[in-house]
Amino acid sequence: MTDSLQQHLIVTVIGDLIADELARMRPAESEYWKRRQWHEDDTLVAKNKSTKDNGEDDVVVDSLERLALAGRVVQFFHMGDSGVEDYLLRRNSLAEWAEVVLKSRQVHTQNLTVTTSGSTGQPKACEHSWSALVEEVREFVRIFDNDYELSPVRIVALVPSHHIYGFLFTVLLPHLVDAPVLRGFKAYSHVRNGGLRAGDAVVGFPELLTQLSSEMPPLPPGVLFISSAGPCPASTVHQLYAIGAARAVEIYGSSETAGMAYRSKPENNYRLLSRWRKNTENHQQLIDRQTKVIYEIPDNTQWHTEDEFQITGRVDKAVSIRGINVFPAHIAKCLRQHPAVADATVRPMRSDEGYGLKAFIVLQENISETVTEQSVQTWLSDNLCAAEIPERISFGEQLPINSMGKAQDWSIDNSPTGKPLN
């Protein structure tokens, strides 16, 4: 079962691509689209043909939005030279779009292209070989079975399917092991309220697992947790084991490479997957054994053996917010473009402050308007995705520095907010 993805799984990916694109084009509706669950009967309706009788299955879009949605699907499934991509503009339901995708995969290529979050300004397209992705998930199935004595029989998906991590473990994994998938709020509710059962594989990301680990009741035996998209706090992993997790596996990877390595305890080293070997000439690089292509490791590494390493810090200074890598320096640069902002800095909140980003802003002198935390967040929403917008914004006369003139942290509780400086 490797050549042809099941139609319902393709519908899921198409729905998540549509939700992501509509959230980008309609920022005020972003949370609605990202919460929506997609089905084969969901239908795109032209704006000039919509009526008050449109049902819940109807998604009203204008002509430019429809082009953008089709373009995302064409890019993800490599349909550009298939000869069938134009049928996406002639079909309306997600089931029909999935049929077009299946036809493209039959006559053209099965490779995929995922995109990075675009936190540095422009999303980056990352092409992946279908056979390499299939082999990676097969290897994880062997690891789960042989090393952990676990065989997933149901996937509980807490992540979207159109990012590489979500695709591998909430689309390709259930495809290969023929397992059903719970998604959306139903999946969250099962995890939160004691609905898990033996054989479940919960696919999440660090912040959500941290929240859930303190709320879940004791687990039945045989429940596997999988985490990626950022480092999972050791305390979270230990808490999952304390309430009965059979295994809590951290996957290390990137949009460019897919999975690189894994571990099941925070004290352990990451172990390379068989696809990769360390570049002996540059320990910040991995080499694909099949293609010989060299990839940069996005984090600083300390190697302990030829295939085991520890992460010592992020190279590109990205942080993971709600499972998305964002770049505080880029967000601070955007803040400085606000007409009332003279300078700004952005960093992650401390664990005692909450989850997300915080910003510290120095306002221009002699500004006439009142600048508030909410007004700045609203202004940012036109340019940034939800994960990039700071949860808290503080104001002051100068950026926080220590006695040596170096930037330092600040407390969001002790900084004046919501008032302009004269």
Protein backbone atom coordinates (compact mmCIF):
# COMPACT_ATOMS: atom_id res chain seq x y z
CA MET A 1 0.00 0.00 0.00
CA THR A 2 2.63 2.54 -1.07
CA ASP A 3 1.76 3.63 -4.60
CA SER A 4 -1.65 5.21 -4.22
CA LEU A 5 -2.67 7.23 -1.18
CA GLN A 6 -6.22 6.60 -0.04
CA GLN A 7 -8.62 9.28 -1.22
CA HIS A 8 -9.80 10.29 2.26
CA LEU A 9 -6.20 11.01 3.28
CA ILE A 10 -5.70 13.20 0.21
CA VAL A 11 -8.92 15.05 1.09
CA THR A 12 -7.46 15.76 4.54
CA VAL A 13 -4.28 17.23 3.07
CA ILE A 14 -6.22 19.30 0.52
CA GLY A 15 -8.44 20.63 3.31
CA ASP A 16 -5.45 21.64 5.43
CA LEU A 17 -3.83 23.35 2.45
CA ILE A 18 -7.07 25.25 1.78
CA ALA A 19 -7.34 26.23 5.45
CA ASP A 20 -3.75 27.46 5.54
CA GLU A 21 -4.17 29.52 2.38
CA LEU A 22 -7.51 31.02 3.42
CA ALA A 23 -6.06 31.89 6.83
CA ARG A 24 -3.24 33.71 5.04
CA MET A 25 -5.61 35.60 2.75
CA ARG A 26 -8.25 36.27 5.42
CA PRO A 27 -6.30 36.94 8.64
CA ALA A 28 -9.41 37.88 10.61
CA GLU A 29 -10.84 34.39 9.95
CA SER A 30 -7.62 32.43 10.48
CA GLU A 31 -8.67 30.64 13.66
CA TYR A 32 -11.94 29.51 12.06
CA TRP A 33 -10.21 27.98 9.06
CA LYS A 34 -7.55 26.23 11.11
CA ARG A 35 -10.19 24.66 13.38
CA ARG A 36 -12.37 23.46 10.54
CA GLN A 37 -12.51 19.75 9.76
CA TRP A 38 -12.68 18.87 6.07
CA HIS A 39 -14.74 16.21 4.32
CA GLU A 40 -15.18 14.83 0.83
CA ASP A 41 -18.50 16.67 0.39
CA ASP A 42 -17.02 20.09 1.16
CA THR A 43 -17.43 22.23 -1.95
CA LEU A 44 -15.89 25.44 -3.25
CA VAL A 45 -18.61 27.86 -4.35
CA ALA A 46 -17.91 30.87 -6.56
CA LYS A 47 -18.69 34.12 -4.77
CA ASN A 48 -20.93 35.31 -7.60
CA LYS A 49 -22.96 32.10 -7.34
CA SER A 50 -23.35 31.96 -3.58
CA THR A 51 -26.78 32.28 -1.99
CA LYS A 52 -28.17 32.52 1.50
CA ASP A 53 -28.98 28.81 1.21
CA ASN A 54 -25.32 27.76 1.10
CA GLY A 55 -24.75 25.02 3.65
CA GLU A 56 -21.94 24.19 6.07
CA ASP A 57 -20.22 22.15 3.36
CA ASP A 58 -19.92 25.20 1.08
CA VAL A 59 -16.79 27.36 1.07
CA VAL A 60 -17.45 30.63 -0.75
CA VAL A 61 -14.35 31.97 -2.56
CA ASP A 62 -13.70 34.60 -5.19
CA SER A 63 -11.83 33.85 -8.41
CA LEU A 64 -8.42 34.94 -7.11
CA GLU A 65 -8.80 32.89 -3.95
CA ARG A 66 -9.76 29.83 -5.99
CA LEU A 67 -6.64 30.23 -8.11
CA ALA A 68 -4.51 30.50 -4.98
CA LEU A 69 -6.09 27.40 -3.44
CA ALA A 70 -5.58 25.37 -6.60
CA GLY A 71 -2.01 26.64 -6.78
CA ARG A 72 -1.23 25.35 -3.28
CA VAL A 73 -2.55 21.90 -4.16
CA VAL A 74 -0.64 21.85 -7.46
CA GLN A 75 2.57 22.79 -5.67
CA PHE A 76 2.20 20.29 -2.81
CA PHE A 77 1.42 17.31 -5.05
CA HIS A 78 3.82 18.25 -7.88
CA MET A 79 1.03 18.53 -10.44
CA GLY A 80 2.51 21.33 -12.54
CA ASP A 81 3.51 19.17 -15.51
CA SER A 82 0.92 16.43 -15.11
CA GLY A 83 -1.48 17.75 -17.74
CA VAL A 84 -4.45 17.36 -15.39
CA GLU A 85 -3.87 20.28 -13.02
CA ASP A 86 -6.36 22.54 -14.83
CA TYR A 87 -9.18 20.20 -13.80
CA LEU A 88 -8.90 21.66 -10.29
CA LEU A 89 -10.50 24.81 -11.71
CA ARG A 90 -13.34 22.81 -13.25
CA ARG A 91 -14.16 20.68 -10.21
CA ASN A 92 -15.68 21.93 -6.98
CA SER A 93 -15.83 19.31 -4.23
CA LEU A 94 -12.82 18.11 -2.27
CA ALA A 95 -13.61 14.56 -3.37
CA GLU A 96 -13.31 15.68 -7.01
CA TRP A 97 -10.06 17.51 -6.28
CA ALA A 98 -8.71 14.35 -4.62
CA GLU A 99 -9.57 12.37 -7.77
CA VAL A 100 -7.58 14.87 -9.86
CA VAL A 101 -4.64 14.53 -7.46
CA LEU A 102 -4.80 10.74 -7.69
CA LYS A 103 -4.80 10.93 -11.49
CA SER A 104 -1.80 13.25 -11.43
CA ARG A 105 0.10 10.83 -9.18
CA GLN A 106 -0.68 8.00 -11.61
CA VAL A 107 0.51 9.77 -14.77
CA HIS A 108 3.21 12.09 -13.45
CA THR A 109 5.09 11.93 -10.11
CA GLN A 110 4.36 11.01 -6.52
CA ASN A 111 6.92 13.40 -5.05
CA LEU A 112 5.73 16.14 -2.71
CA THR A 113 6.68 19.74 -1.97
CA VAL A 114 6.11 21.20 1.48
CA THR A 115 6.78 24.81 2.39
CA THR A 116 8.42 26.31 5.43
CA SER A 117 6.38 28.70 7.57
CA GLY A 118 7.81 31.78 5.86
CA SER A 119 8.91 33.36 9.12
CA THR A 120 11.91 34.95 7.43
CA GLY A 121 9.70 36.68 4.88
CA GLN A 122 9.38 34.19 2.03
CA PRO A 123 8.22 30.58 2.45
CA LYS A 124 10.72 28.08 1.09
CA ALA A 125 9.57 25.17 -1.06
CA CYS A 126 11.15 21.84 -0.10
CA GLU A 127 10.80 18.88 -2.48
CA HIS A 128 10.73 15.33 -1.12
CA SER A 129 11.10 11.99 -2.84
CA TRP A 130 8.05 9.82 -2.24
CA SER A 131 10.18 6.70 -1.87
CA ALA A 132 12.37 8.40 0.76
CA LEU A 133 9.31 9.42 2.80
CA VAL A 134 7.82 5.93 2.58
CA GLU A 135 11.09 4.36 3.70
CA GLU A 136 11.37 6.77 6.64
CA VAL A 137 7.93 5.87 7.96
CA ARG A 138 8.61 2.17 7.40
CA GLU A 139 11.75 2.54 9.48
CA PHE A 140 9.78 4.16 12.29
CA VAL A 141 7.23 1.34 12.13
CA ARG A 142 10.12 -1.12 12.58
CA ILE A 143 11.53 0.95 15.47
CA PHE A 144 8.14 1.10 17.19
CA ASP A 145 7.63 -2.64 16.72
CA ASN A 146 11.11 -4.08 17.29
CA ASP A 147 12.59 -1.63 19.82
CA TYR A 148 9.49 -0.51 21.70
CA GLU A 149 7.12 -3.47 21.08
CA LEU A 150 4.41 -1.06 19.96
CA SER A 151 2.23 -1.35 16.86
CA PRO A 152 0.03 1.71 16.25
CA VAL A 153 -3.57 0.72 15.53
CA ARG A 154 -5.09 4.23 15.69
CA ILE A 155 -3.53 7.64 15.03
CA VAL A 156 -4.62 10.60 17.17
CA ALA A 157 -3.57 13.66 15.18
CA LEU A 158 -3.03 16.93 17.03
CA VAL A 159 -1.12 18.52 14.13
CA PRO A 160 -2.16 19.53 10.58
CA SER A 161 -1.30 17.22 7.71
CA HIS A 162 0.27 19.64 5.21
CA HIS A 163 3.57 20.15 7.07
CA ILE A 164 6.19 17.44 6.63
CA TYR A 165 5.93 16.13 10.20
CA GLY A 166 2.14 15.99 10.09
CA PHE A 167 2.17 14.35 6.67
CA LEU A 168 4.61 11.63 7.75
CA PHE A 169 2.79 10.62 10.92
CA THR A 170 -0.89 11.52 10.32
CA VAL A 171 -1.12 10.63 6.61
CA LEU A 172 1.67 8.28 5.57
CA LEU A 173 1.85 6.28 8.81
CA PRO A 174 -1.88 5.44 8.89
CA HIS A 175 -1.69 4.74 5.15
CA LEU A 176 1.09 2.18 5.60
CA VAL A 177 -0.31 0.45 8.71
CA ASP A 178 -3.97 0.82 7.63
CA ALA A 179 -5.02 2.64 10.80
CA PRO A 180 -7.92 5.05 11.34
CA VAL A 181 -7.19 8.67 12.30
CA LEU A 182 -8.84 10.99 14.80
CA ARG A 183 -8.36 14.69 14.01
CA GLY A 184 -9.27 18.15 15.25
CA PHE A 185 -11.20 18.75 18.46
CA LYS A 186 -12.30 15.11 18.58
CA ALA A 187 -8.65 14.07 18.79
CA TYR A 188 -7.92 16.70 21.44
CA SER A 189 -10.95 15.64 23.48
CA HIS A 190 -9.90 11.99 23.41
CA VAL A 191 -6.45 12.88 24.71
CA ARG A 192 -7.69 15.38 27.29
CA ASN A 193 -10.65 13.44 28.66
CA GLY A 194 -9.51 9.84 28.93
CA GLY A 195 -10.50 8.57 25.50
CA LEU A 196 -7.16 7.00 24.60
CA ARG A 197 -6.79 3.24 24.31
CA ALA A 198 -4.05 0.67 23.85
CA GLY A 199 -2.43 0.99 20.44
CA ASP A 200 -3.03 4.72 20.07
CA ALA A 201 -0.25 6.87 18.64
CA VAL A 202 -0.69 10.51 19.67
CA VAL A 203 1.03 12.88 17.23
CA GLY A 204 1.58 16.29 18.82
CA PHE A 205 4.01 19.12 19.36
CA PRO A 206 5.82 20.26 22.53
CA GLU A 207 3.60 23.10 23.76
CA LEU A 208 0.35 21.20 23.37
CA LEU A 209 1.79 18.04 24.91
CA THR A 210 3.08 20.14 27.82
CA GLN A 211 -0.42 21.47 28.42
CA LEU A 212 -2.11 18.09 28.03
CA SER A 213 0.41 16.16 30.13
CA SER A 214 -0.79 17.96 33.27
CA GLU A 215 -4.48 17.51 32.41
CA MET A 216 -4.72 13.90 31.21
CA PRO A 217 -5.91 11.08 33.47
CA PRO A 218 -3.73 7.97 33.83
CA LEU A 219 -3.19 6.25 30.50
CA PRO A 220 -4.03 2.71 29.44
CA PRO A 221 -1.04 0.53 28.53
CA GLY A 222 0.39 0.71 25.03
CA VAL A 223 -0.06 4.43 24.23
CA LEU A 224 2.70 6.01 22.12
CA PHE A 225 3.38 9.75 22.03
CA ILE A 226 5.26 11.36 19.14
CA SER A 227 6.54 14.93 19.27
CA SER A 228 8.39 17.14 16.80
CA ALA A 229 8.53 20.74 15.48
CA GLY A 230 10.73 21.83 18.41
CA PRO A 231 12.44 20.56 21.55
CA CYS A 232 10.06 18.95 24.02
CA PRO A 233 10.80 19.96 27.64
CA ALA A 234 12.28 17.14 29.68
CA SER A 235 9.63 17.75 32.34
CA THR A 236 6.89 17.13 29.77
CA VAL A 237 8.39 13.83 28.63
CA HIS A 238 8.85 12.70 32.24
CA GLN A 239 5.24 13.64 33.02
CA LEU A 240 3.99 11.60 30.06
CA TYR A 241 5.89 8.59 31.38
CA ALA A 242 4.59 9.27 34.90
CA ILE A 243 0.96 8.99 33.75
CA GLY A 244 1.63 5.76 31.87
CA ALA A 245 2.92 6.48 28.36
CA ALA A 246 4.48 3.38 26.82
CA ARG A 247 6.92 5.60 24.86
CA ALA A 248 7.35 9.30 24.21
CA VAL A 249 9.42 9.69 21.05
CA GLU A 250 10.95 12.98 19.94
CA ILE A 251 11.56 13.29 16.19
CA TYR A 252 14.33 15.64 15.10
CA GLY A 253 14.04 16.99 11.56
CA SER A 254 13.15 19.93 9.34
CA SER A 255 11.00 20.88 6.38
CA GLU A 256 14.03 20.44 4.13
CA THR A 257 15.07 16.98 5.33
CA ALA A 258 12.01 15.34 6.90
CA GLY A 259 13.10 13.20 9.87
CA MET A 260 16.78 13.04 10.74
CA ALA A 261 16.93 11.38 14.15
CA TYR A 262 14.92 10.30 17.18
CA ARG A 263 15.10 9.55 20.89
CA SER A 264 12.68 8.29 23.54
CA LYS A 265 14.17 9.90 26.66
CA PRO A 266 15.39 13.48 27.08
CA GLU A 267 18.59 12.18 28.68
CA ASN A 268 19.39 10.12 25.58
CA ASN A 269 21.28 11.20 22.49
CA TYR A 270 19.41 11.56 19.22
CA ARG A 271 20.07 8.57 16.95
CA LEU A 272 20.30 9.10 13.18
CA LEU A 273 17.84 7.37 10.90
CA SER A 274 19.46 4.99 8.43
CA ARG A 275 19.05 7.46 5.54
CA TRP A 276 21.67 9.80 7.01
CA ARG A 277 25.35 9.87 7.88
CA LYS A 278 27.42 12.59 9.49
CA ASN A 279 29.61 14.66 7.19
CA THR A 280 33.07 13.98 8.60
CA GLU A 281 34.36 17.23 7.09
CA ASN A 282 31.65 19.40 8.68
CA HIS A 283 29.79 18.14 11.72
CA GLN A 284 26.99 20.65 11.14
CA GLN A 285 25.98 18.74 8.02
CA LEU A 286 24.35 15.43 7.16
CA ILE A 287 24.72 13.49 3.93
CA ASP A 288 21.87 11.55 2.33
CA ARG A 289 23.35 8.07 1.77
CA GLN A 290 21.31 7.52 -1.41
CA THR A 291 21.53 10.86 -3.22
CA LYS A 292 24.80 12.10 -1.62
CA VAL A 293 23.14 15.51 -1.18
CA ILE A 294 24.48 17.51 1.79
CA TYR A 295 22.06 19.21 4.20
CA GLU A 296 22.78 21.73 6.95
CA ILE A 297 21.68 20.76 10.45
CA PRO A 298 19.56 23.67 11.74
CA ASP A 299 20.93 23.34 15.29
CA ASN A 300 24.35 23.24 16.87
CA THR A 301 25.26 19.65 17.58
CA GLN A 302 27.63 17.77 19.85
CA TRP A 303 28.40 14.33 18.43
CA HIS A 304 29.02 11.38 20.75
CA THR A 305 29.28 8.59 18.17
CA GLU A 306 29.05 8.40 14.39
CA ASP A 307 25.26 8.27 14.59
CA GLU A 308 24.39 9.83 17.96
CA PHE A 309 24.38 13.50 18.96
CA GLN A 310 22.94 16.10 21.32
CA ILE A 311 21.43 19.47 20.39
CA THR A 312 23.16 22.44 22.02
CA GLY A 313 21.23 25.37 20.51
CA ARG A 314 19.53 26.73 17.42
CA VAL A 315 21.77 27.93 14.58
CA ASP A 316 19.22 30.08 12.80
CA LYS A 317 17.86 31.37 16.13
CA ALA A 318 14.37 30.13 15.43
CA VAL A 319 11.99 29.20 18.22
CA SER A 320 9.02 26.87 18.04
CA ILE A 321 5.63 28.47 18.76
CA ARG A 322 2.56 26.20 18.55
CA GLY A 323 4.60 23.79 16.45
CA ILE A 324 5.77 26.47 13.98
CA ASN A 325 9.34 27.73 13.77
CA VAL A 326 9.36 31.53 13.99
CA PHE A 327 12.23 33.99 13.95
CA PRO A 328 12.18 36.69 16.66
CA ALA A 329 14.71 38.86 14.80
CA HIS A 330 12.43 38.96 11.75
CA ILE A 331 9.41 39.86 13.90
CA ALA A 332 11.37 42.66 15.60
CA LYS A 333 12.29 43.98 12.15
CA CYS A 334 8.60 44.05 11.22
CA LEU A 335 7.79 45.91 14.44
CA ARG A 336 10.34 48.60 13.59
CA GLN A 337 8.38 49.30 10.41
CA HIS A 338 5.41 50.47 12.48
CA PRO A 339 5.24 54.27 12.12
CA ALA A 340 5.14 54.80 15.89
CA VAL A 341 7.96 52.37 16.79
CA ALA A 342 11.56 53.52 17.18
CA ASP A 343 13.02 50.19 18.26
CA ALA A 344 11.88 46.74 19.30
CA THR A 345 13.09 43.37 20.45
CA VAL A 346 11.29 40.02 20.56
CA ARG A 347 11.97 36.82 22.48
CA PRO A 348 10.09 33.78 23.80
CA MET A 349 8.22 34.07 27.07
CA ARG A 350 9.74 32.42 30.09
CA SER A 351 7.99 29.28 31.31
CA ASP A 352 6.47 31.21 34.24
CA GLU A 353 5.04 33.83 31.85
CA GLY A 354 3.19 31.54 29.45
CA TYR A 355 3.66 30.24 25.92
CA GLY A 356 4.43 32.33 22.88
CA LEU A 357 6.46 35.43 22.16
CA LYS A 358 6.77 38.75 23.95
CA ALA A 359 7.96 42.06 22.55
CA PHE A 360 9.47 45.17 24.07
CA ILE A 361 8.88 48.41 22.16
CA VAL A 362 10.43 51.86 22.31
CA LEU A 363 8.05 54.39 20.75
CA GLN A 364 8.99 57.32 18.57
CA GLU A 365 9.21 60.70 20.29
CA ASN A 366 6.34 63.15 19.86
CA ILE A 367 3.83 60.63 18.54
CA SER A 368 0.26 61.85 18.67
CA GLU A 369 -1.75 58.62 18.62
CA THR A 370 -2.19 56.24 21.53
CA VAL A 371 -0.35 52.99 20.90
CA THR A 372 -1.66 49.93 22.71
CA GLU A 373 -0.71 46.30 22.88
CA GLN A 374 -3.87 45.42 20.96
CA SER A 375 -3.34 48.03 18.26
CA VAL A 376 0.18 46.77 17.58
CA GLN A 377 -1.01 43.14 17.47
CA THR A 378 -3.75 44.10 15.00
CA TRP A 379 -1.21 45.92 12.83
CA LEU A 380 1.09 42.89 12.87
CA SER A 381 -1.72 40.53 11.83
CA ASP A 382 -1.64 42.02 8.33
CA ASN A 383 1.96 40.91 7.87
CA LEU A 384 2.59 37.89 10.10
CA CYS A 385 0.99 34.54 10.88
CA ALA A 386 -0.69 33.97 14.24
CA ALA A 387 2.29 32.18 15.80
CA GLU A 388 4.55 35.13 14.99
CA ILE A 389 2.44 37.76 16.78
CA PRO A 390 3.69 38.44 20.34
CA GLU A 391 1.23 37.47 23.05
CA ARG A 392 2.39 40.33 25.28
CA ILE A 393 3.90 43.69 24.35
CA SER A 394 5.71 45.94 26.81
CA PHE A 395 6.70 49.58 26.35
CA GLY A 396 9.65 51.51 27.74
CA GLU A 397 12.08 54.36 27.15
CA GLN A 398 14.89 52.04 26.03
CA LEU A 399 15.36 48.37 25.27
CA PRO A 400 16.26 46.28 28.33
CA ILE A 401 20.04 46.06 28.78
CA ASN A 402 22.33 44.93 31.59
CA SER A 403 25.18 46.81 33.23
CA MET A 404 27.49 45.81 30.38
CA GLY A 405 25.15 47.23 27.75
CA LYS A 406 24.05 43.83 26.48
CA ALA A 407 20.45 42.92 25.80
CA GLN A 408 18.70 41.18 28.66
CA ASP A 409 15.32 39.66 29.47
CA TRP A 410 12.46 41.61 31.01
CA SER A 411 9.38 40.77 33.02
CA ILE A 412 6.11 41.33 31.26
CA ASP A 413 4.47 42.12 34.61
CA ASN A 414 6.77 45.01 35.48
CA SER A 415 6.73 46.95 32.20
CA PRO A 416 4.26 49.73 31.41
CA THR A 417 1.91 48.73 28.60
CA GLY A 418 -0.59 50.49 26.45
CA LYS A 419 0.62 54.07 26.90
CA PRO A 420 2.53 56.33 24.52
CA LEU A 421 5.70 58.02 25.70
CA ASN A 422 5.94 61.80 25.40
